């Protein structure tokens, strides 16, 4: 089971903004978005994310398992999930519903 991470997520237009509000670096973070009732998930992974760091990603950079980019014009985001580890390797997670 994952421990709850402390994050702030905003989606505005074509931008996905996330802030690490924890006191530790997120190791190997994975950001996942999905739309409506679909079971298709779109992901983007990034380098380690330091405590207090704030980053902005373009939503069209999120891809599904087939390599298809997320289409935000026709599919609004309904769920954001973040998965990462802390410095000791413990799993942390965050989920936000729009």
PDB file of N, CA and C in Angstrom:
ATOM      1  N   UNK A   1       0.837  -1.187   0.000  1.00  0.00           N
ATOM      2  CA  UNK A   1       0.000   0.000   0.000  1.00  0.00           C
ATOM      3  C   UNK A   1       0.881   1.249   0.000  1.00  0.00           C
ATOM      4  N   UNK A   2       0.491   2.227  -0.780  1.00  0.00           N
ATOM      5  CA  UNK A   2       1.236   3.484  -0.879  1.00  0.00           C
ATOM      6  C   UNK A   2       0.877   4.419   0.265  1.00  0.00           C
ATOM      7  N   UNK A   3       1.853   5.185   0.702  1.00  0.00           N
ATOM      8  CA  UNK A   3       1.626   6.257   1.658  1.00  0.00           C
ATOM      9  C   UNK A   3       1.163   7.484   0.889  1.00  0.00           C
ATOM     10  N   UNK A   4       0.389   8.340   1.524  1.00  0.00           N
ATOM     11  CA  UNK A   4      -0.160   9.525   0.862  1.00  0.00           C
ATOM     12  C   UNK A   4       0.914  10.599   0.705  1.00  0.00           C
ATOM     13  N   UNK A   5       1.097  11.075  -0.515  1.00  0.00           N
ATOM     14  CA  UNK A   5       2.026  12.185  -0.745  1.00  0.00           C
ATOM     15  C   UNK A   5       1.275  13.503  -0.687  1.00  0.00           C
ATOM     16  N   UNK A   6       2.014  14.567  -0.493  1.00  0.00           N
ATOM     17  CA  UNK A   6       1.443  15.906  -0.397  1.00  0.00           C
ATOM     18  C   UNK A   6       1.806  16.659  -1.678  1.00  0.00           C
ATOM     19  N   UNK A   7       0.811  16.854  -2.533  1.00  0.00           N
ATOM     20  CA  UNK A   7       1.042  17.481  -3.834  1.00  0.00           C
ATOM     21  C   UNK A   7      -0.030  18.531  -4.105  1.00  0.00           C
ATOM     22  N   UNK A   8       0.294  19.425  -5.009  1.00  0.00           N
ATOM     23  CA  UNK A   8      -0.693  20.372  -5.522  1.00  0.00           C
ATOM     24  C   UNK A   8      -0.694  20.222  -7.029  1.00  0.00           C
ATOM     25  N   UNK A   9      -1.879  19.986  -7.596  1.00  0.00           N
ATOM     26  CA  UNK A   9      -2.011  19.757  -9.030  1.00  0.00           C
ATOM     27  C   UNK A   9      -3.008  20.750  -9.602  1.00  0.00           C
ATOM     28  N   UNK A  10      -2.654  21.332 -10.745  1.00  0.00           N
ATOM     29  CA  UNK A  10      -3.561  22.220 -11.465  1.00  0.00           C
ATOM     30  C   UNK A  10      -3.517  21.849 -12.946  1.00  0.00           C
ATOM     31  N   UNK A  11      -4.673  21.869 -13.565  1.00  0.00           N
ATOM     32  CA  UNK A  11      -4.753  21.685 -15.015  1.00  0.00           C
ATOM     33  C   UNK A  11      -5.467  22.908 -15.553  1.00  0.00           C
ATOM     34  N   UNK A  12      -4.788  23.602 -16.451  1.00  0.00           N
ATOM     35  CA  UNK A  12      -5.365  24.805 -17.040  1.00  0.00           C
ATOM     36  C   UNK A  12      -5.017  24.808 -18.515  1.00  0.00           C
ATOM     37  N   UNK A  13      -6.041  24.738 -19.353  1.00  0.00           N
ATOM     38  CA  UNK A  13      -5.800  24.699 -20.803  1.00  0.00           C
ATOM     39  C   UNK A  13      -4.981  23.477 -21.168  1.00  0.00           C
ATOM     40  N   UNK A  14      -3.852  23.710 -21.781  1.00  0.00           N
ATOM     41  CA  UNK A  14      -2.978  22.615 -22.241  1.00  0.00           C
ATOM     42  C   UNK A  14      -1.844  22.329 -21.266  1.00  0.00           C
ATOM     43  N   UNK A  15      -1.910  22.905 -20.078  1.00  0.00           N
ATOM     44  CA  UNK A  15      -0.806  22.775 -19.116  1.00  0.00           C
ATOM     45  C   UNK A  15      -1.215  21.980 -17.880  1.00  0.00           C
ATOM     46  N   UNK A  16      -0.297  21.150 -17.432  1.00  0.00           N
ATOM     47  CA  UNK A  16      -0.431  20.343 -16.225  1.00  0.00           C
ATOM     48  C   UNK A  16       0.651  20.835 -15.273  1.00  0.00           C
ATOM     49  N   UNK A  17       0.261  21.378 -14.140  1.00  0.00           N
ATOM     50  CA  UNK A  17       1.210  21.944 -13.183  1.00  0.00           C
ATOM     51  C   UNK A  17       1.169  21.127 -11.901  1.00  0.00           C
ATOM     52  N   UNK A  18       2.336  20.778 -11.382  1.00  0.00           N
ATOM     53  CA  UNK A  18       2.409  20.008 -10.140  1.00  0.00           C
ATOM     54  C   UNK A  18       3.476  20.610  -9.228  1.00  0.00           C
ATOM     55  N   UNK A  19       3.174  20.629  -7.930  1.00  0.00           N
ATOM     56  CA  UNK A  19       4.097  21.118  -6.917  1.00  0.00           C
ATOM     57  C   UNK A  19       4.294  20.019  -5.879  1.00  0.00           C
ATOM     58  N   UNK A  20       5.549  19.724  -5.556  1.00  0.00           N
ATOM     59  CA  UNK A  20       5.875  18.769  -4.504  1.00  0.00           C
ATOM     60  C   UNK A  20       5.815  19.512  -3.178  1.00  0.00           C
ATOM     61  N   UNK A  21       4.781  19.245  -2.395  1.00  0.00           N
ATOM     62  CA  UNK A  21       4.599  19.919  -1.115  1.00  0.00           C
ATOM     63  C   UNK A  21       5.137  19.075   0.040  1.00  0.00           C
ATOM     64  N   UNK A  22       5.792  17.965  -0.295  1.00  0.00           N
ATOM     65  CA  UNK A  22       6.399  17.120   0.731  1.00  0.00           C
ATOM     66  C   UNK A  22       7.743  17.690   1.167  1.00  0.00           C
ATOM     67  N   UNK A  23       8.307  17.114   2.215  1.00  0.00           N
ATOM     68  CA  UNK A  23       9.614  17.533   2.723  1.00  0.00           C
ATOM     69  C   UNK A  23      10.727  16.654   2.181  1.00  0.00           C
ATOM     70  N   UNK A  24      10.393  15.782   1.238  1.00  0.00           N
ATOM     71  CA  UNK A  24      11.377  14.876   0.649  1.00  0.00           C
ATOM     72  C   UNK A  24      11.261  14.874  -0.872  1.00  0.00           C
ATOM     73  N   UNK A  25      12.325  14.434  -1.516  1.00  0.00           N
ATOM     74  CA  UNK A  25      12.355  14.326  -2.979  1.00  0.00           C
ATOM     75  C   UNK A  25      11.536  13.120  -3.418  1.00  0.00           C
ATOM     76  N   UNK A  26      10.720  13.300  -4.456  1.00  0.00           N
ATOM     77  CA  UNK A  26      10.016  12.170  -5.063  1.00  0.00           C
ATOM     78  C   UNK A  26      10.982  11.502  -6.015  1.00  0.00           C
ATOM     79  N   UNK A  27      11.245  10.226  -5.819  1.00  0.00           N
ATOM     80  CA  UNK A  27      12.141   9.458  -6.679  1.00  0.00           C
ATOM     81  C   UNK A  27      11.330   8.756  -7.768  1.00  0.00           C
ATOM     82  N   UNK A  28      11.817   8.819  -8.994  1.00  0.00           N
ATOM     83  CA  UNK A  28      11.176   8.145 -10.141  1.00  0.00           C
ATOM     84  C   UNK A  28       9.681   8.444 -10.242  1.00  0.00           C
ATOM     85  N   UNK A  29       9.292   9.718 -10.227  1.00  0.00           N
ATOM     86  CA  UNK A  29       7.867  10.037 -10.269  1.00  0.00           C
ATOM     87  C   UNK A  29       7.224   9.669 -11.608  1.00  0.00           C
ATOM     88  N   UNK A  30       5.986   9.239 -11.515  1.00  0.00           N
ATOM     89  CA  UNK A  30       5.171   8.907 -12.679  1.00  0.00           C
ATOM     90  C   UNK A  30       3.860   9.652 -12.519  1.00  0.00           C
ATOM     91  N   UNK A  31       3.498  10.457 -13.516  1.00  0.00           N
ATOM     92  CA  UNK A  31       2.252  11.214 -13.513  1.00  0.00           C
ATOM     93  C   UNK A  31       1.307  10.534 -14.498  1.00  0.00           C
ATOM     94  N   UNK A  32       0.083  10.261 -14.049  1.00  0.00           N
ATOM     95  CA  UNK A  32      -0.893   9.528 -14.861  1.00  0.00           C
ATOM     96  C   UNK A  32      -2.183  10.340 -14.903  1.00  0.00           C
ATOM     97  N   UNK A  33      -2.740  10.501 -16.104  1.00  0.00           N
ATOM     98  CA  UNK A  33      -4.036  11.166 -16.255  1.00  0.00           C
ATOM     99  C   UNK A  33      -4.986  10.229 -16.989  1.00  0.00           C
ATOM    100  N   UNK A  34      -6.275  10.384 -16.720  1.00  0.00           N
ATOM    101  CA  UNK A  34      -7.291   9.638 -17.458  1.00  0.00           C
ATOM    102  C   UNK A  34      -8.499  10.552 -17.636  1.00  0.00           C
ATOM    103  N   UNK A  35      -9.384  10.132 -18.532  1.00  0.00           N
ATOM    104  CA  UNK A  35     -10.522  10.961 -18.900  1.00  0.00           C
ATOM    105  C   UNK A  35     -11.819  10.183 -18.758  1.00  0.00           C
ATOM    106  N   UNK A  36     -12.785  10.786 -18.096  1.00  0.00           N
ATOM    107  CA  UNK A  36     -14.115  10.203 -17.984  1.00  0.00           C
ATOM    108  C   UNK A  36     -14.106   8.765 -17.515  1.00  0.00           C
ATOM    109  N   UNK A  37     -14.963   7.961 -18.124  1.00  0.00           N
ATOM    110  CA  UNK A  37     -15.070   6.565 -17.743  1.00  0.00           C
ATOM    111  C   UNK A  37     -14.135   5.650 -18.515  1.00  0.00           C
ATOM    112  N   UNK A  38     -13.202   6.228 -19.246  1.00  0.00           N
ATOM    113  CA  UNK A  38     -12.314   5.388 -20.037  1.00  0.00           C
ATOM    114  C   UNK A  38     -11.310   4.675 -19.152  1.00  0.00           C
ATOM    115  N   UNK A  39     -10.864   3.547 -19.628  1.00  0.00           N
ATOM    116  CA  UNK A  39      -9.840   2.800 -18.894  1.00  0.00           C
ATOM    117  C   UNK A  39      -8.469   3.034 -19.520  1.00  0.00           C
ATOM    118  N   UNK A  40      -8.375   4.058 -20.349  1.00  0.00           N
ATOM    119  CA  UNK A  40      -7.107   4.382 -20.998  1.00  0.00           C
ATOM    120  C   UNK A  40      -6.369   5.420 -20.163  1.00  0.00           C
ATOM    121  N   UNK A  41      -5.153   5.094 -19.808  1.00  0.00           N
ATOM    122  CA  UNK A  41      -4.344   5.970 -18.979  1.00  0.00           C
ATOM    123  C   UNK A  41      -3.192   6.531 -19.787  1.00  0.00           C
ATOM    124  N   UNK A  42      -2.887   7.787 -19.542  1.00  0.00           N
ATOM    125  CA  UNK A  42      -1.803   8.478 -20.231  1.00  0.00           C
ATOM    126  C   UNK A  42      -0.756   8.864 -19.195  1.00  0.00           C
ATOM    127  N   UNK A  43       0.508   8.647 -19.519  1.00  0.00           N
ATOM    128  CA  UNK A  43       1.571   8.803 -18.534  1.00  0.00           C
ATOM    129  C   UNK A  43       2.697   9.688 -19.028  1.00  0.00           C
ATOM    130  N   UNK A  44       3.388  10.242 -18.045  1.00  0.00           N
ATOM    131  CA  UNK A  44       4.650  10.911 -18.310  1.00  0.00           C
ATOM    132  C   UNK A  44       5.518  10.668 -17.075  1.00  0.00           C
ATOM    133  N   UNK A  45       6.745  10.290 -17.303  1.00  0.00           N
ATOM    134  CA  UNK A  45       7.671  10.139 -16.178  1.00  0.00           C
ATOM    135  C   UNK A  45       8.725  11.227 -16.307  1.00  0.00           C
ATOM    136  N   UNK A  46       9.359  11.523 -15.202  1.00  0.00           N
ATOM    137  CA  UNK A  46      10.299  12.628 -15.174  1.00  0.00           C
ATOM    138  C   UNK A  46      11.428  12.305 -14.212  1.00  0.00           C
ATOM    139  N   UNK A  47      12.404  13.175 -14.186  1.00  0.00           N
ATOM    140  CA  UNK A  47      13.516  13.007 -13.255  1.00  0.00           C
ATOM    141  C   UNK A  47      13.007  13.233 -11.829  1.00  0.00           C
ATOM    142  N   UNK A  48      13.849  12.927 -10.856  1.00  0.00           N
ATOM    143  CA  UNK A  48      13.475  13.131  -9.462  1.00  0.00           C
ATOM    144  C   UNK A  48      12.955  14.548  -9.259  1.00  0.00           C
ATOM    145  N   UNK A  49      12.035  14.675  -8.338  1.00  0.00           N
ATOM    146  CA  UNK A  49      11.281  15.910  -8.129  1.00  0.00           C
ATOM    147  C   UNK A  49      11.540  16.381  -6.700  1.00  0.00           C
ATOM    148  N   UNK A  50      12.354  17.405  -6.544  1.00  0.00           N
ATOM    149  CA  UNK A  50      12.787  17.874  -5.221  1.00  0.00           C
ATOM    150  C   UNK A  50      11.638  18.464  -4.409  1.00  0.00           C
ATOM    151  N   UNK A  51      11.761  18.393  -3.092  1.00  0.00           N
ATOM    152  CA  UNK A  51      10.783  18.990  -2.186  1.00  0.00           C
ATOM    153  C   UNK A  51      10.629  20.470  -2.522  1.00  0.00           C
ATOM    154  N   UNK A  52       9.383  20.924  -2.617  1.00  0.00           N
ATOM    155  CA  UNK A  52       9.102  22.319  -2.921  1.00  0.00           C
ATOM    156  C   UNK A  52       9.175  22.673  -4.393  1.00  0.00           C
ATOM    157  N   UNK A  53       9.611  21.734  -5.228  1.00  0.00           N
ATOM    158  CA  UNK A  53       9.747  22.014  -6.654  1.00  0.00           C
ATOM    159  C   UNK A  53       8.375  22.155  -7.308  1.00  0.00           C
ATOM    160  N   UNK A  54       8.324  22.938  -8.372  1.00  0.00           N
ATOM    161  CA  UNK A  54       7.100  23.257  -9.106  1.00  0.00           C
ATOM    162  C   UNK A  54       7.427  23.116 -10.592  1.00  0.00           C
ATOM    163  N   UNK A  55       6.676  22.257 -11.299  1.00  0.00           N
ATOM    164  CA  UNK A  55       6.953  22.053 -12.721  1.00  0.00           C
ATOM    165  C   UNK A  55       5.668  22.111 -13.524  1.00  0.00           C
ATOM    166  N   UNK A  56       5.833  22.488 -14.785  1.00  0.00           N
ATOM    167  CA  UNK A  56       4.707  22.580 -15.713  1.00  0.00           C
ATOM    168  C   UNK A  56       4.993  21.656 -16.892  1.00  0.00           C
ATOM    169  N   UNK A  57       3.999  20.850 -17.250  1.00  0.00           N
ATOM    170  CA  UNK A  57       4.115  19.928 -18.374  1.00  0.00           C
ATOM    171  C   UNK A  57       3.009  20.220 -19.370  1.00  0.00           C
ATOM    172  N   UNK A  58       3.282  20.007 -20.618  1.00  0.00           N
ATOM    173  CA  UNK A  58       2.267  20.111 -21.661  1.00  0.00           C
ATOM    174  C   UNK A  58       1.447  18.825 -21.650  1.00  0.00           C
ATOM    175  N   UNK A  59       0.130  18.948 -21.599  1.00  0.00           N
ATOM    176  CA  UNK A  59      -0.741  17.774 -21.510  1.00  0.00           C
ATOM    177  C   UNK A  59      -0.565  16.851 -22.712  1.00  0.00           C
ATOM    178  N   UNK A  60      -0.271  17.407 -23.873  1.00  0.00           N
ATOM    179  CA  UNK A  60      -0.128  16.551 -25.059  1.00  0.00           C
ATOM    180  C   UNK A  60       1.143  15.697 -25.035  1.00  0.00           C
ATOM    181  N   UNK A  61       1.986  15.853 -24.014  1.00  0.00           N
ATOM    182  CA  UNK A  61       3.187  15.015 -23.866  1.00  0.00           C
ATOM    183  C   UNK A  61       2.884  13.711 -23.130  1.00  0.00           C
ATOM    184  N   UNK A  62       1.686  13.604 -22.541  1.00  0.00           N
ATOM    185  CA  UNK A  62       1.272  12.372 -21.883  1.00  0.00           C
ATOM    186  C   UNK A  62       0.878  11.362 -22.959  1.00  0.00           C
ATOM    187  N   UNK A  63       1.366  10.125 -22.845  1.00  0.00           N
ATOM    188  CA  UNK A  63       1.081   9.098 -23.849  1.00  0.00           C
ATOM    189  C   UNK A  63       0.516   7.842 -23.189  1.00  0.00           C
ATOM    190  N   UNK A  64      -0.286   7.096 -23.966  1.00  0.00           N
ATOM    191  CA  UNK A  64      -0.818   5.831 -23.457  1.00  0.00           C
ATOM    192  C   UNK A  64       0.115   4.677 -23.839  1.00  0.00           C
ATOM    193  N   UNK A  65      -0.291   3.461 -23.517  1.00  0.00           N
ATOM    194  CA  UNK A  65       0.558   2.282 -23.749  1.00  0.00           C
ATOM    195  C   UNK A  65       0.871   2.074 -25.227  1.00  0.00           C
ATOM    196  N   UNK A  66       0.008   2.580 -26.112  1.00  0.00           N
ATOM    197  CA  UNK A  66       0.228   2.442 -27.551  1.00  0.00           C
ATOM    198  C   UNK A  66       1.032   3.598 -28.133  1.00  0.00           C
ATOM    199  N   UNK A  67       1.419   4.559 -27.295  1.00  0.00           N
ATOM    200  CA  UNK A  67       2.207   5.699 -27.763  1.00  0.00           C
ATOM    201  C   UNK A  67       1.377   6.856 -28.274  1.00  0.00           C
ATOM    202  N   UNK A  68       0.059   6.792 -28.103  1.00  0.00           N
ATOM    203  CA  UNK A  68      -0.835   7.865 -28.560  1.00  0.00           C
ATOM    204  C   UNK A  68      -0.875   8.979 -27.518  1.00  0.00           C
ATOM    205  N   UNK A  69      -0.780  10.221 -27.977  1.00  0.00           N
ATOM    206  CA  UNK A  69      -0.814  11.380 -27.081  1.00  0.00           C
ATOM    207  C   UNK A  69      -2.233  11.671 -26.606  1.00  0.00           C
ATOM    208  N   UNK A  70      -2.328  12.224 -25.405  1.00  0.00           N
ATOM    209  CA  UNK A  70      -3.619  12.616 -24.840  1.00  0.00           C
ATOM    210  C   UNK A  70      -4.208  13.758 -25.653  1.00  0.00           C
ATOM    211  N   UNK A  71      -5.501  13.670 -25.948  1.00  0.00           N
ATOM    212  CA  UNK A  71      -6.212  14.694 -26.723  1.00  0.00           C
ATOM    213  C   UNK A  71      -7.093  15.501 -25.777  1.00  0.00           C
ATOM    214  N   UNK A  72      -6.555  16.567 -25.224  1.00  0.00           N
ATOM    215  CA  UNK A  72      -7.287  17.352 -24.225  1.00  0.00           C
ATOM    216  C   UNK A  72      -8.446  18.152 -24.821  1.00  0.00           C
ATOM    217  N   UNK A  73      -8.425  18.374 -26.120  1.00  0.00           N
ATOM    218  CA  UNK A  73      -9.512  19.127 -26.755  1.00  0.00           C
ATOM    219  C   UNK A  73     -10.805  18.311 -26.787  1.00  0.00           C
ATOM    220  N   UNK A  74     -10.688  16.988 -26.884  1.00  0.00           N
ATOM    221  CA  UNK A  74     -11.852  16.116 -26.975  1.00  0.00           C
ATOM    222  C   UNK A  74     -12.054  15.244 -25.745  1.00  0.00           C
ATOM    223  N   UNK A  75     -11.120  15.240 -24.820  1.00  0.00           N
ATOM    224  CA  UNK A  75     -11.199  14.382 -23.644  1.00  0.00           C
ATOM    225  C   UNK A  75     -10.720  15.144 -22.407  1.00  0.00           C
ATOM    226  N   UNK A  76     -11.623  15.717 -21.639  1.00  0.00           N
ATOM    227  CA  UNK A  76     -11.188  16.431 -20.439  1.00  0.00           C
ATOM    228  C   UNK A  76     -10.625  15.466 -19.394  1.00  0.00           C
ATOM    229  N   UNK A  77      -9.650  15.920 -18.657  1.00  0.00           N
ATOM    230  CA  UNK A  77      -9.038  15.096 -17.611  1.00  0.00           C
ATOM    231  C   UNK A  77     -10.013  14.946 -16.454  1.00  0.00           C
ATOM    232  N   UNK A  78     -10.178  13.723 -15.964  1.00  0.00           N
ATOM    233  CA  UNK A  78     -11.056  13.495 -14.823  1.00  0.00           C
ATOM    234  C   UNK A  78     -10.296  13.028 -13.579  1.00  0.00           C
ATOM    235  N   UNK A  79      -9.128  12.380 -13.779  1.00  0.00           N
ATOM    236  CA  UNK A  79      -8.356  11.870 -12.640  1.00  0.00           C
ATOM    237  C   UNK A  79      -6.871  12.087 -12.902  1.00  0.00           C
ATOM    238  N   UNK A  80      -6.166  12.533 -11.865  1.00  0.00           N
ATOM    239  CA  UNK A  80      -4.704  12.637 -11.898  1.00  0.00           C
ATOM    240  C   UNK A  80      -4.162  11.747 -10.789  1.00  0.00           C
ATOM    241  N   UNK A  81      -3.196  10.909 -11.130  1.00  0.00           N
ATOM    242  CA  UNK A  81      -2.531  10.043 -10.155  1.00  0.00           C
ATOM    243  C   UNK A  81      -1.039  10.300 -10.238  1.00  0.00           C
ATOM    244  N   UNK A  82      -0.386  10.362  -9.077  1.00  0.00           N
ATOM    245  CA  UNK A  82       1.063  10.493  -9.021  1.00  0.00           C
ATOM    246  C   UNK A  82       1.594   9.320  -8.210  1.00  0.00           C
ATOM    247  N   UNK A  83       2.635   8.680  -8.736  1.00  0.00           N
ATOM    248  CA  UNK A  83       3.306   7.600  -8.012  1.00  0.00           C
ATOM    249  C   UNK A  83       4.788   7.924  -7.938  1.00  0.00           C
ATOM    250  N   UNK A  84       5.383   7.704  -6.771  1.00  0.00           N
ATOM    251  CA  UNK A  84       6.812   7.965  -6.592  1.00  0.00           C
ATOM    252  C   UNK A  84       7.288   7.229  -5.346  1.00  0.00           C
ATOM    253  N   UNK A  85       8.592   7.282  -5.126  1.00  0.00           N
ATOM    254  CA  UNK A  85       9.207   6.694  -3.938  1.00  0.00           C
ATOM    255  C   UNK A  85       9.927   7.801  -3.172  1.00  0.00           C
ATOM    256  N   UNK A  86      10.107   7.580  -1.872  1.00  0.00           N
ATOM    257  CA  UNK A  86      10.923   8.522  -1.105  1.00  0.00           C
ATOM    258  C   UNK A  86      12.373   8.040  -1.124  1.00  0.00           C
ATOM    259  N   UNK A  87      13.249   8.715  -0.383  1.00  0.00           N
ATOM    260  CA  UNK A  87      14.673   8.374  -0.401  1.00  0.00           C
ATOM    261  C   UNK A  87      14.949   6.964   0.107  1.00  0.00           C
ATOM    262  N   UNK A  88      14.066   6.432   0.964  1.00  0.00           N
ATOM    263  CA  UNK A  88      14.243   5.085   1.505  1.00  0.00           C
ATOM    264  C   UNK A  88      13.579   4.011   0.642  1.00  0.00           C
ATOM    265  N   UNK A  89      12.964   4.430  -0.463  1.00  0.00           N
ATOM    266  CA  UNK A  89      12.343   3.477  -1.376  1.00  0.00           C
ATOM    267  C   UNK A  89      10.897   3.134  -1.073  1.00  0.00           C
ATOM    268  N   UNK A  90      10.276   3.823  -0.103  1.00  0.00           N
ATOM    269  CA  UNK A  90       8.865   3.572   0.204  1.00  0.00           C
ATOM    270  C   UNK A  90       7.995   4.186  -0.880  1.00  0.00           C
ATOM    271  N   UNK A  91       6.938   3.463  -1.247  1.00  0.00           N
ATOM    272  CA  UNK A  91       6.005   3.942  -2.266  1.00  0.00           C
ATOM    273  C   UNK A  91       5.051   4.985  -1.697  1.00  0.00           C
ATOM    274  N   UNK A  92       4.878   6.048  -2.473  1.00  0.00           N
ATOM    275  CA  UNK A  92       3.929   7.102  -2.129  1.00  0.00           C
ATOM    276  C   UNK A  92       3.001   7.310  -3.315  1.00  0.00           C
ATOM    277  N   UNK A  93       1.782   7.779  -3.024  1.00  0.00           N
ATOM    278  CA  UNK A  93       0.836   8.022  -4.092  1.00  0.00           C
ATOM    279  C   UNK A  93      -0.064   9.201  -3.793  1.00  0.00           C
ATOM    280  N   UNK A  94      -0.664   9.717  -4.842  1.00  0.00           N
ATOM    281  CA  UNK A  94      -1.575  10.857  -4.759  1.00  0.00           C
ATOM    282  C   UNK A  94      -2.616  10.684  -5.849  1.00  0.00           C
ATOM    283  N   UNK A  95      -3.872  10.964  -5.540  1.00  0.00           N
ATOM    284  CA  UNK A  95      -4.925  10.911  -6.556  1.00  0.00           C
ATOM    285  C   UNK A  95      -5.847  12.100  -6.372  1.00  0.00           C
ATOM    286  N   UNK A  96      -6.167  12.751  -7.488  1.00  0.00           N
ATOM    287  CA  UNK A  96      -7.067  13.901  -7.472  1.00  0.00           C
ATOM    288  C   UNK A  96      -8.129  13.703  -8.538  1.00  0.00           C
ATOM    289  N   UNK A  97      -9.396  13.904  -8.149  1.00  0.00           N
ATOM    290  CA  UNK A  97     -10.530  13.788  -9.069  1.00  0.00           C
ATOM    291  C   UNK A  97     -11.037  15.186  -9.407  1.00  0.00           C
ATOM    292  N   UNK A  98     -11.282  15.430 -10.690  1.00  0.00           N
ATOM    293  CA  UNK A  98     -11.833  16.716 -11.119  1.00  0.00           C
ATOM    294  C   UNK A  98     -13.339  16.651 -11.168  1.00  0.00           C
TER     295      UNK A  98
END
